[in-house]
Amino acid sequence: MMAYRIIARRICATSLGDLRRRPASALRPCSGFMIPTACPPSYTPISLGPSLLLSRSLSLTCRRQESFSVQDADDFTERVINSSLPVLVDFHAQWCGPCKILGPRLEKAIAKQQGRVTMAKVDIDDHTDLAIEYGVSAVPTVIAIRGGNVVDQFVGIKDEAQLDSFVGKLIGQ
């Protein structure tokens, strides 16, 4: 456990320290945060205590999330209904065994599309109102939404080939 704390301190101290030392011209905006555009030519060690010394910086990058967990109804409206990309909505529950099997398969199918589709994860125990609104009576239920409209859906587990076909139809392949 102590090793995890040390690593966490190193990561936090390095990234924050590097950002403080960089001129504003070496930073670029990314989702409201300023991140480094390139690593500095030389690294300045940061002391974290008598025996800890850092000599490297942490590289930060801006990457679009392919899947996300819905936080509330407003978040669902903003990130799913108003999305410019097609969205797969995975209605699941923590206690659902088939959901735990389907989730990674969906993630893999979405990753193959390289940013042409996203996936929203909705826990039905936390967001019962959304489950009722979309007529979810069993989990896992996956609903495909394009332009704010439901275009397709399925209930239960699918194999990888079926999921690839489902996602392909959603993006128009």
N, C-alpha and C. Protein backbone atom coordinates (compact mmCIF):
# COMPACT_ATOMS: atom_id res chain seq x y z
N MET A 1 0.83 -1.19 0.00
CA MET A 1 0.00 0.00 0.00
C MET A 1 0.87 1.25 0.00
N MET A 2 1.97 1.19 0.70
CA MET A 2 2.87 2.34 0.77
C MET A 2 3.44 2.67 -0.61
N ALA A 3 3.70 1.65 -1.42
CA ALA A 3 4.23 1.86 -2.76
C ALA A 3 3.24 2.65 -3.61
N TYR A 4 1.95 2.37 -3.48
CA TYR A 4 0.93 3.10 -4.24
C TYR A 4 0.91 4.57 -3.84
N ARG A 5 1.05 4.85 -2.56
CA ARG A 5 1.07 6.25 -2.10
C ARG A 5 2.28 6.99 -2.66
N ILE A 6 3.41 6.33 -2.66
CA ILE A 6 4.63 6.95 -3.19
C ILE A 6 4.46 7.26 -4.67
N ILE A 7 3.94 6.31 -5.42
CA ILE A 7 3.73 6.53 -6.86
C ILE A 7 2.74 7.65 -7.09
N ALA A 8 1.65 7.68 -6.32
CA ALA A 8 0.65 8.73 -6.47
C ALA A 8 1.27 10.10 -6.17
N ARG A 9 2.08 10.18 -5.12
CA ARG A 9 2.74 11.46 -4.79
C ARG A 9 3.67 11.89 -5.92
N ARG A 10 4.41 10.95 -6.49
CA ARG A 10 5.32 11.28 -7.57
C ARG A 10 4.55 11.81 -8.78
N ILE A 11 3.47 11.15 -9.13
CA ILE A 11 2.70 11.58 -10.29
C ILE A 11 2.12 12.97 -10.07
N CYS A 12 1.50 13.19 -8.92
CA CYS A 12 0.90 14.49 -8.63
C CYS A 12 1.95 15.59 -8.54
N ALA A 13 3.00 15.35 -7.82
CA ALA A 13 4.04 16.36 -7.66
C ALA A 13 4.72 16.68 -8.98
N THR A 14 4.95 15.68 -9.79
CA THR A 14 5.63 15.89 -11.07
C THR A 14 4.76 16.69 -12.01
N SER A 15 3.50 16.30 -12.18
CA SER A 15 2.66 16.99 -13.14
C SER A 15 2.38 18.41 -12.71
N LEU A 16 2.09 18.64 -11.42
CA LEU A 16 1.83 19.99 -10.95
C LEU A 16 3.10 20.84 -10.97
N GLY A 17 4.20 20.25 -10.58
CA GLY A 17 5.47 20.98 -10.60
C GLY A 17 5.87 21.39 -12.00
N ASP A 18 5.72 20.49 -12.96
CA ASP A 18 6.06 20.81 -14.34
C ASP A 18 5.19 21.93 -14.88
N LEU A 19 3.90 21.90 -14.56
CA LEU A 19 2.99 22.93 -15.06
C LEU A 19 3.34 24.29 -14.47
N ARG A 20 3.78 24.32 -13.21
CA ARG A 20 4.14 25.60 -12.58
C ARG A 20 5.41 26.18 -13.20
N ARG A 21 6.35 25.33 -13.63
CA ARG A 21 7.62 25.82 -14.15
C ARG A 21 7.54 26.24 -15.61
N ARG A 22 6.51 25.88 -16.33
CA ARG A 22 6.43 26.16 -17.76
C ARG A 22 5.87 27.54 -18.02
N PRO A 23 6.39 28.23 -19.03
CA PRO A 23 5.80 29.51 -19.41
C PRO A 23 4.43 29.26 -20.06
N ALA A 24 3.56 30.27 -20.03
CA ALA A 24 2.21 30.12 -20.58
C ALA A 24 2.24 29.74 -22.06
N SER A 25 3.28 30.14 -22.79
CA SER A 25 3.36 29.82 -24.21
C SER A 25 3.60 28.34 -24.47
N ALA A 26 4.05 27.60 -23.47
CA ALA A 26 4.32 26.17 -23.64
C ALA A 26 3.12 25.31 -23.27
N LEU A 27 1.98 25.95 -22.97
CA LEU A 27 0.79 25.22 -22.60
C LEU A 27 -0.30 25.44 -23.64
N ARG A 28 -1.17 24.45 -23.82
CA ARG A 28 -2.31 24.61 -24.72
C ARG A 28 -3.57 24.16 -24.00
N PRO A 29 -4.73 24.74 -24.35
CA PRO A 29 -5.96 24.35 -23.67
C PRO A 29 -6.45 23.00 -24.13
N CYS A 30 -7.06 22.25 -23.22
CA CYS A 30 -7.67 20.96 -23.54
C CYS A 30 -8.80 20.74 -22.55
N SER A 31 -10.02 20.87 -22.99
CA SER A 31 -11.20 20.66 -22.13
C SER A 31 -11.13 21.51 -20.86
N GLY A 32 -10.73 22.76 -20.99
CA GLY A 32 -10.72 23.65 -19.84
C GLY A 32 -9.44 23.60 -19.02
N PHE A 33 -8.52 22.70 -19.32
CA PHE A 33 -7.27 22.60 -18.58
C PHE A 33 -6.12 23.00 -19.49
N MET A 34 -5.06 23.51 -18.91
CA MET A 34 -3.87 23.83 -19.68
C MET A 34 -2.91 22.66 -19.54
N ILE A 35 -2.46 22.13 -20.68
CA ILE A 35 -1.54 21.00 -20.62
C ILE A 35 -0.28 21.32 -21.41
N PRO A 36 0.84 20.67 -21.10
CA PRO A 36 2.08 20.93 -21.80
C PRO A 36 2.01 20.48 -23.25
N THR A 37 2.63 21.27 -24.16
CA THR A 37 2.68 20.88 -25.56
C THR A 37 3.90 20.01 -25.83
N ALA A 38 4.93 20.15 -25.05
CA ALA A 38 6.12 19.32 -25.24
C ALA A 38 6.88 19.23 -23.91
N CYS A 39 7.66 18.20 -23.77
CA CYS A 39 8.46 18.04 -22.56
C CYS A 39 9.61 19.03 -22.58
N PRO A 40 10.02 19.53 -21.42
CA PRO A 40 11.15 20.46 -21.38
C PRO A 40 12.44 19.77 -21.78
N PRO A 41 13.41 20.52 -22.32
CA PRO A 41 14.66 19.90 -22.74
C PRO A 41 15.45 19.28 -21.59
N SER A 42 15.36 19.86 -20.42
CA SER A 42 16.05 19.26 -19.27
C SER A 42 15.07 19.18 -18.11
N TYR A 43 15.24 18.18 -17.29
CA TYR A 43 14.33 17.95 -16.18
C TYR A 43 14.95 18.48 -14.90
N THR A 44 14.14 19.12 -14.08
CA THR A 44 14.59 19.60 -12.79
C THR A 44 14.09 18.64 -11.74
N PRO A 45 14.97 18.08 -10.92
CA PRO A 45 14.52 17.15 -9.89
C PRO A 45 13.59 17.83 -8.89
N ILE A 46 12.61 17.10 -8.41
CA ILE A 46 11.68 17.60 -7.40
C ILE A 46 11.87 16.73 -6.17
N SER A 47 12.12 17.34 -5.05
CA SER A 47 12.32 16.58 -3.82
C SER A 47 10.99 16.37 -3.12
N LEU A 48 10.67 15.13 -2.78
CA LEU A 48 9.44 14.80 -2.07
C LEU A 48 9.72 14.37 -0.63
N GLY A 49 10.92 14.43 -0.23
CA GLY A 49 11.26 14.00 1.12
C GLY A 49 12.72 13.61 1.16
N PRO A 50 13.17 13.11 2.29
CA PRO A 50 14.58 12.79 2.43
C PRO A 50 15.07 11.71 1.47
N SER A 51 14.21 10.75 1.13
CA SER A 51 14.70 9.65 0.30
C SER A 51 14.09 9.60 -1.09
N LEU A 52 13.16 10.50 -1.40
CA LEU A 52 12.50 10.47 -2.69
C LEU A 52 12.97 11.62 -3.57
N LEU A 53 13.36 11.31 -4.78
CA LEU A 53 13.82 12.32 -5.71
C LEU A 53 13.28 11.99 -7.09
N LEU A 54 12.64 12.96 -7.73
CA LEU A 54 12.11 12.75 -9.07
C LEU A 54 13.02 13.42 -10.09
N SER A 55 13.25 12.73 -11.19
CA SER A 55 14.10 13.32 -12.21
C SER A 55 13.41 13.35 -13.57
N ARG A 56 12.15 12.92 -13.66
CA ARG A 56 11.42 12.93 -14.93
C ARG A 56 10.07 13.58 -14.75
N SER A 57 9.53 14.07 -15.87
CA SER A 57 8.21 14.68 -15.81
C SER A 57 7.17 13.70 -16.33
N LEU A 58 5.92 13.98 -16.05
CA LEU A 58 4.81 13.18 -16.51
C LEU A 58 4.26 13.81 -17.78
N SER A 59 4.15 13.04 -18.84
CA SER A 59 3.62 13.55 -20.09
C SER A 59 2.10 13.50 -20.05
N LEU A 60 1.46 14.61 -20.35
CA LEU A 60 0.01 14.66 -20.37
C LEU A 60 -0.47 14.83 -21.80
N THR A 61 -1.54 14.13 -22.16
CA THR A 61 -2.09 14.27 -23.51
C THR A 61 -3.58 14.48 -23.43
N CYS A 62 -4.14 15.05 -24.49
CA CYS A 62 -5.56 15.27 -24.59
C CYS A 62 -6.14 14.15 -25.46
N ARG A 63 -7.03 13.34 -24.90
CA ARG A 63 -7.60 12.22 -25.64
C ARG A 63 -9.09 12.20 -25.41
N ARG A 64 -9.81 12.03 -26.51
CA ARG A 64 -11.27 11.97 -26.43
C ARG A 64 -11.69 10.65 -25.79
N GLN A 65 -12.59 10.73 -24.82
CA GLN A 65 -13.12 9.52 -24.20
C GLN A 65 -14.09 8.84 -25.14
N GLU A 66 -13.96 7.54 -25.32
CA GLU A 66 -14.89 6.80 -26.16
C GLU A 66 -16.09 6.33 -25.37
N SER A 67 -15.97 6.23 -24.05
CA SER A 67 -17.11 5.86 -23.22
C SER A 67 -17.09 6.68 -21.94
N PHE A 68 -18.26 6.85 -21.36
CA PHE A 68 -18.38 7.65 -20.15
C PHE A 68 -19.58 7.16 -19.35
N SER A 69 -19.56 7.43 -18.06
CA SER A 69 -20.69 7.11 -17.19
C SER A 69 -21.57 8.34 -17.06
N VAL A 70 -22.86 8.16 -17.23
CA VAL A 70 -23.81 9.27 -17.12
C VAL A 70 -23.95 9.65 -15.65
N GLN A 71 -23.87 10.95 -15.37
CA GLN A 71 -23.93 11.44 -14.00
C GLN A 71 -25.35 11.78 -13.55
N ASP A 72 -26.15 12.36 -14.44
CA ASP A 72 -27.53 12.72 -14.13
C ASP A 72 -28.29 12.98 -15.44
N ALA A 73 -29.56 13.37 -15.34
CA ALA A 73 -30.39 13.57 -16.53
C ALA A 73 -29.85 14.69 -17.41
N ASP A 74 -29.35 15.76 -16.80
CA ASP A 74 -28.79 16.87 -17.59
C ASP A 74 -27.54 16.42 -18.35
N ASP A 75 -26.70 15.62 -17.70
CA ASP A 75 -25.51 15.08 -18.34
C ASP A 75 -25.91 14.19 -19.51
N PHE A 76 -26.96 13.38 -19.33
CA PHE A 76 -27.45 12.51 -20.39
C PHE A 76 -27.90 13.35 -21.59
N THR A 77 -28.66 14.38 -21.33
CA THR A 77 -29.15 15.25 -22.41
C THR A 77 -27.99 15.90 -23.15
N GLU A 78 -27.04 16.42 -22.40
CA GLU A 78 -25.90 17.12 -23.01
C GLU A 78 -25.00 16.18 -23.81
N ARG A 79 -24.66 15.03 -23.24
CA ARG A 79 -23.65 14.16 -23.86
C ARG A 79 -24.20 13.07 -24.76
N VAL A 80 -25.51 12.77 -24.66
CA VAL A 80 -26.10 11.72 -25.48
C VAL A 80 -27.08 12.32 -26.50
N ILE A 81 -28.11 12.98 -26.02
CA ILE A 81 -29.14 13.53 -26.90
C ILE A 81 -28.56 14.60 -27.83
N ASN A 82 -27.72 15.49 -27.30
CA ASN A 82 -27.16 16.58 -28.10
C ASN A 82 -25.83 16.23 -28.76
N SER A 83 -25.43 14.98 -28.72
CA SER A 83 -24.14 14.56 -29.28
C SER A 83 -24.15 14.62 -30.81
N SER A 84 -23.05 15.08 -31.38
CA SER A 84 -22.91 15.09 -32.84
C SER A 84 -22.56 13.70 -33.36
N LEU A 85 -22.06 12.84 -32.49
CA LEU A 85 -21.72 11.47 -32.86
C LEU A 85 -22.84 10.53 -32.46
N PRO A 86 -22.96 9.38 -33.12
CA PRO A 86 -23.88 8.36 -32.64
C PRO A 86 -23.41 7.85 -31.27
N VAL A 87 -24.38 7.47 -30.43
CA VAL A 87 -24.06 7.03 -29.07
C VAL A 87 -24.76 5.71 -28.77
N LEU A 88 -24.00 4.75 -28.24
CA LEU A 88 -24.59 3.53 -27.69
C LEU A 88 -24.81 3.78 -26.21
N VAL A 89 -26.02 3.52 -25.74
CA VAL A 89 -26.32 3.70 -24.32
C VAL A 89 -26.46 2.31 -23.70
N ASP A 90 -25.56 1.99 -22.78
CA ASP A 90 -25.54 0.70 -22.11
C ASP A 90 -26.23 0.83 -20.75
N PHE A 91 -27.48 0.36 -20.67
CA PHE A 91 -28.19 0.33 -19.40
C PHE A 91 -27.77 -0.95 -18.69
N HIS A 92 -27.17 -0.81 -17.51
CA HIS A 92 -26.62 -1.96 -16.77
C HIS A 92 -26.86 -1.79 -15.28
N ALA A 93 -26.44 -2.80 -14.52
CA ALA A 93 -26.49 -2.74 -13.06
C ALA A 93 -25.26 -3.44 -12.50
N GLN A 94 -24.82 -3.01 -11.34
CA GLN A 94 -23.63 -3.59 -10.71
C GLN A 94 -23.83 -5.06 -10.36
N TRP A 95 -25.04 -5.44 -10.02
CA TRP A 95 -25.34 -6.81 -9.58
C TRP A 95 -25.60 -7.76 -10.75
N CYS A 96 -25.60 -7.26 -11.98
CA CYS A 96 -25.98 -8.04 -13.16
C CYS A 96 -24.77 -8.76 -13.76
N GLY A 97 -24.78 -10.09 -13.70
CA GLY A 97 -23.69 -10.89 -14.27
C GLY A 97 -23.53 -10.71 -15.77
N PRO A 98 -24.61 -10.83 -16.56
CA PRO A 98 -24.47 -10.63 -18.01
C PRO A 98 -23.96 -9.23 -18.39
N CYS A 99 -24.29 -8.24 -17.57
CA CYS A 99 -23.80 -6.87 -17.83
C CYS A 99 -22.28 -6.81 -17.74
N LYS A 100 -21.72 -7.56 -16.80
CA LYS A 100 -20.27 -7.59 -16.61
C LYS A 100 -19.57 -8.29 -17.78
N ILE A 101 -20.29 -9.16 -18.46
CA ILE A 101 -19.74 -9.83 -19.65
C ILE A 101 -19.86 -8.92 -20.87
N LEU A 102 -21.02 -8.29 -21.02
CA LEU A 102 -21.28 -7.46 -22.19
C LEU A 102 -20.46 -6.17 -22.20
N GLY A 103 -20.25 -5.56 -21.04
CA GLY A 103 -19.54 -4.28 -20.95
C GLY A 103 -18.21 -4.25 -21.68
N PRO A 104 -17.28 -5.17 -21.37
CA PRO A 104 -15.99 -5.16 -22.07
C PRO A 104 -16.12 -5.45 -23.57
N ARG A 105 -17.10 -6.25 -23.96
CA ARG A 105 -17.31 -6.51 -25.39
C ARG A 105 -17.76 -5.23 -26.10
N LEU A 106 -18.64 -4.48 -25.46
CA LEU A 106 -19.08 -3.21 -26.04
C LEU A 106 -17.91 -2.23 -26.15
N GLU A 107 -17.09 -2.15 -25.10
CA GLU A 107 -15.92 -1.27 -25.11
C GLU A 107 -15.01 -1.60 -26.29
N LYS A 108 -14.81 -2.89 -26.53
CA LYS A 108 -13.94 -3.33 -27.62
C LYS A 108 -14.54 -2.95 -28.97
N ALA A 109 -15.85 -3.15 -29.14
CA ALA A 109 -16.52 -2.81 -30.40
C ALA A 109 -16.47 -1.31 -30.66
N ILE A 110 -16.61 -0.51 -29.61
CA ILE A 110 -16.54 0.95 -29.73
C ILE A 110 -15.12 1.38 -30.08
N ALA A 111 -14.12 0.78 -29.45
CA ALA A 111 -12.73 1.13 -29.70
C ALA A 111 -12.34 0.88 -31.15
N LYS A 112 -12.90 -0.15 -31.77
CA LYS A 112 -12.60 -0.46 -33.17
C LYS A 112 -13.05 0.65 -34.12
N GLN A 113 -14.00 1.45 -33.70
CA GLN A 113 -14.55 2.51 -34.56
C GLN A 113 -13.73 3.79 -34.53
N GLN A 114 -12.72 3.86 -33.70
CA GLN A 114 -11.75 4.95 -33.66
C GLN A 114 -12.39 6.34 -33.60
N GLY A 115 -13.30 6.51 -32.64
CA GLY A 115 -13.86 7.83 -32.40
C GLY A 115 -15.08 8.19 -33.22
N ARG A 116 -15.61 7.28 -34.01
CA ARG A 116 -16.80 7.57 -34.81
C ARG A 116 -18.10 7.34 -34.04
N VAL A 117 -18.00 6.75 -32.86
CA VAL A 117 -19.16 6.49 -32.01
C VAL A 117 -18.69 6.50 -30.56
N THR A 118 -19.58 6.90 -29.65
CA THR A 118 -19.24 6.88 -28.22
C THR A 118 -20.24 5.97 -27.49
N MET A 119 -19.92 5.70 -26.22
CA MET A 119 -20.80 4.86 -25.42
C MET A 119 -21.06 5.52 -24.08
N ALA A 120 -22.34 5.60 -23.73
CA ALA A 120 -22.76 6.12 -22.43
C ALA A 120 -23.18 4.94 -21.56
N LYS A 121 -22.68 4.90 -20.33
CA LYS A 121 -23.03 3.83 -19.40
C LYS A 121 -24.01 4.39 -18.38
N VAL A 122 -25.18 3.75 -18.28
CA VAL A 122 -26.21 4.21 -17.36
C VAL A 122 -26.52 3.09 -16.37
N ASP A 123 -26.21 3.32 -15.10
CA ASP A 123 -26.53 2.36 -14.04
C ASP A 123 -28.01 2.55 -13.68
N ILE A 124 -28.81 1.52 -13.90
CA ILE A 124 -30.26 1.66 -13.70
C ILE A 124 -30.63 1.87 -12.24
N ASP A 125 -29.79 1.45 -11.32
CA ASP A 125 -30.07 1.66 -9.89
C ASP A 125 -29.88 3.12 -9.51
N ASP A 126 -28.95 3.80 -10.17
CA ASP A 126 -28.68 5.21 -9.90
C ASP A 126 -29.57 6.14 -10.73
N HIS A 127 -29.99 5.68 -11.90
CA HIS A 127 -30.75 6.52 -12.83
C HIS A 127 -32.02 5.81 -13.30
N THR A 128 -32.87 5.50 -12.34
CA THR A 128 -34.12 4.79 -12.62
C THR A 128 -35.00 5.57 -13.57
N ASP A 129 -35.01 6.90 -13.44
CA ASP A 129 -35.85 7.74 -14.30
C ASP A 129 -35.48 7.59 -15.77
N LEU A 130 -34.19 7.50 -16.09
CA LEU A 130 -33.76 7.31 -17.48
C LEU A 130 -34.15 5.92 -17.98
N ALA A 131 -34.02 4.91 -17.12
CA ALA A 131 -34.40 3.55 -17.50
C ALA A 131 -35.89 3.49 -17.81
N ILE A 132 -36.72 4.13 -17.00
CA ILE A 132 -38.16 4.14 -17.24
C ILE A 132 -38.48 4.90 -18.52
N GLU A 133 -37.84 6.05 -18.70
CA GLU A 133 -38.09 6.88 -19.90
C GLU A 133 -37.80 6.12 -21.19
N TYR A 134 -36.78 5.27 -21.19
CA TYR A 134 -36.40 4.52 -22.39
C TYR A 134 -36.95 3.09 -22.40
N GLY A 135 -37.85 2.78 -21.50
CA GLY A 135 -38.53 1.49 -21.50
C GLY A 135 -37.66 0.30 -21.19
N VAL A 136 -36.66 0.50 -20.37
CA VAL A 136 -35.75 -0.60 -20.00
C VAL A 136 -36.43 -1.46 -18.96
N SER A 137 -36.70 -2.73 -19.30
CA SER A 137 -37.34 -3.65 -18.36
C SER A 137 -36.43 -4.79 -17.96
N ALA A 138 -35.29 -4.93 -18.63
CA ALA A 138 -34.30 -5.96 -18.30
C ALA A 138 -32.91 -5.42 -18.63
N VAL A 139 -31.93 -5.94 -17.92
CA VAL A 139 -30.55 -5.53 -18.20
C VAL A 139 -29.74 -6.76 -18.57
N PRO A 140 -28.75 -6.61 -19.41
CA PRO A 140 -28.33 -5.39 -20.08
C PRO A 140 -29.24 -5.05 -21.27
N THR A 141 -29.50 -3.77 -21.42
CA THR A 141 -30.20 -3.23 -22.59
C THR A 141 -29.29 -2.20 -23.22
N VAL A 142 -29.11 -2.29 -24.53
CA VAL A 142 -28.26 -1.35 -25.25
C VAL A 142 -29.14 -0.63 -26.28
N ILE A 143 -29.12 0.69 -26.23
CA ILE A 143 -29.92 1.50 -27.15
C ILE A 143 -28.98 2.34 -27.99
N ALA A 144 -29.20 2.36 -29.30
CA ALA A 144 -28.41 3.16 -30.23
C ALA A 144 -29.15 4.47 -30.49
N ILE A 145 -28.49 5.59 -30.26
CA ILE A 145 -29.09 6.91 -30.45
C ILE A 145 -28.25 7.70 -31.44
N ARG A 146 -28.91 8.23 -32.46
CA ARG A 146 -28.25 9.09 -33.45
C ARG A 146 -29.10 10.34 -33.61
N GLY A 147 -28.50 11.50 -33.45
CA GLY A 147 -29.23 12.76 -33.58
C GLY A 147 -30.34 12.92 -32.56
N GLY A 148 -30.19 12.32 -31.38
CA GLY A 148 -31.19 12.44 -30.33
C GLY A 148 -32.34 11.45 -30.44
N ASN A 149 -32.34 10.62 -31.50
CA ASN A 149 -33.42 9.66 -31.71
C ASN A 149 -32.93 8.22 -31.55
N VAL A 150 -33.77 7.36 -30.97
CA VAL A 150 -33.46 5.94 -30.84
C VAL A 150 -33.58 5.31 -32.22
N VAL A 151 -32.50 4.67 -32.69
CA VAL A 151 -32.52 4.05 -34.01
C VAL A 151 -32.49 2.52 -33.95
N ASP A 152 -32.06 1.95 -32.83
CA ASP A 152 -32.01 0.50 -32.70
C ASP A 152 -31.75 0.16 -31.24
N GLN A 153 -32.02 -1.09 -30.86
CA GLN A 153 -31.73 -1.53 -29.50
C GLN A 153 -31.73 -3.04 -29.43
N PHE A 154 -31.13 -3.56 -28.35
CA PHE A 154 -31.21 -5.00 -28.07
C PHE A 154 -31.12 -5.22 -26.57
N VAL A 155 -31.59 -6.40 -26.16
CA VAL A 155 -31.55 -6.79 -24.74
C VAL A 155 -30.78 -8.10 -24.66
N GLY A 156 -29.88 -8.20 -23.68
CA GLY A 156 -29.14 -9.43 -23.47
C GLY A 156 -27.72 -9.36 -23.99
N ILE A 157 -27.07 -10.51 -24.02
CA ILE A 157 -25.67 -10.60 -24.44
C ILE A 157 -25.58 -10.89 -25.93
N LYS A 158 -24.62 -10.28 -26.57
CA LYS A 158 -24.31 -10.55 -27.98
C LYS A 158 -22.83 -10.91 -28.06
N ASP A 159 -22.47 -11.70 -29.10
CA ASP A 159 -21.04 -11.99 -29.27
C ASP A 159 -20.38 -10.83 -30.02
N GLU A 160 -19.07 -10.88 -30.15
CA GLU A 160 -18.32 -9.76 -30.72
C GLU A 160 -18.72 -9.46 -32.16
N ALA A 161 -18.98 -10.48 -32.98
CA ALA A 161 -19.37 -10.26 -34.37
C ALA A 161 -20.73 -9.55 -34.44
N GLN A 162 -21.66 -9.95 -33.60
CA GLN A 162 -22.97 -9.31 -33.58
C GLN A 162 -22.86 -7.85 -33.11
N LEU A 163 -22.00 -7.60 -32.13
CA LEU A 163 -21.81 -6.23 -31.65
C LEU A 163 -21.17 -5.36 -32.72
N ASP A 164 -20.17 -5.91 -33.44
CA ASP A 164 -19.54 -5.15 -34.52
C ASP A 164 -20.56 -4.79 -35.59
N SER A 165 -21.44 -5.72 -35.91
CA SER A 165 -22.50 -5.48 -36.90
C SER A 165 -23.47 -4.41 -36.40
N PHE A 166 -23.86 -4.48 -35.13
CA PHE A 166 -24.77 -3.52 -34.53
C PHE A 166 -24.18 -2.11 -34.58
N VAL A 167 -22.92 -1.98 -34.18
CA VAL A 167 -22.25 -0.68 -34.18
C VAL A 167 -22.05 -0.19 -35.63
N GLY A 168 -21.72 -1.10 -36.52
CA GLY A 168 -21.54 -0.74 -37.94
C GLY A 168 -22.82 -0.17 -38.53
N LYS A 169 -23.97 -0.76 -38.21
CA LYS A 169 -25.24 -0.24 -38.69
C LYS A 169 -25.51 1.16 -38.13
N LEU A 170 -25.12 1.38 -36.90
CA LEU A 170 -25.35 2.68 -36.25
C LEU A 170 -24.60 3.80 -36.95
N ILE A 171 -23.36 3.52 -37.36
CA ILE A 171 -22.57 4.57 -38.01
C ILE A 171 -22.71 4.57 -39.52
N GLY A 172 -23.52 3.62 -40.04
CA GLY A 172 -23.82 3.62 -41.47
C GLY A 172 -22.82 2.91 -42.34
N GLN A 173 -22.19 1.88 -41.83
CA GLN A 173 -21.24 1.11 -42.65
C GLN A 173 -21.96 0.09 -43.49
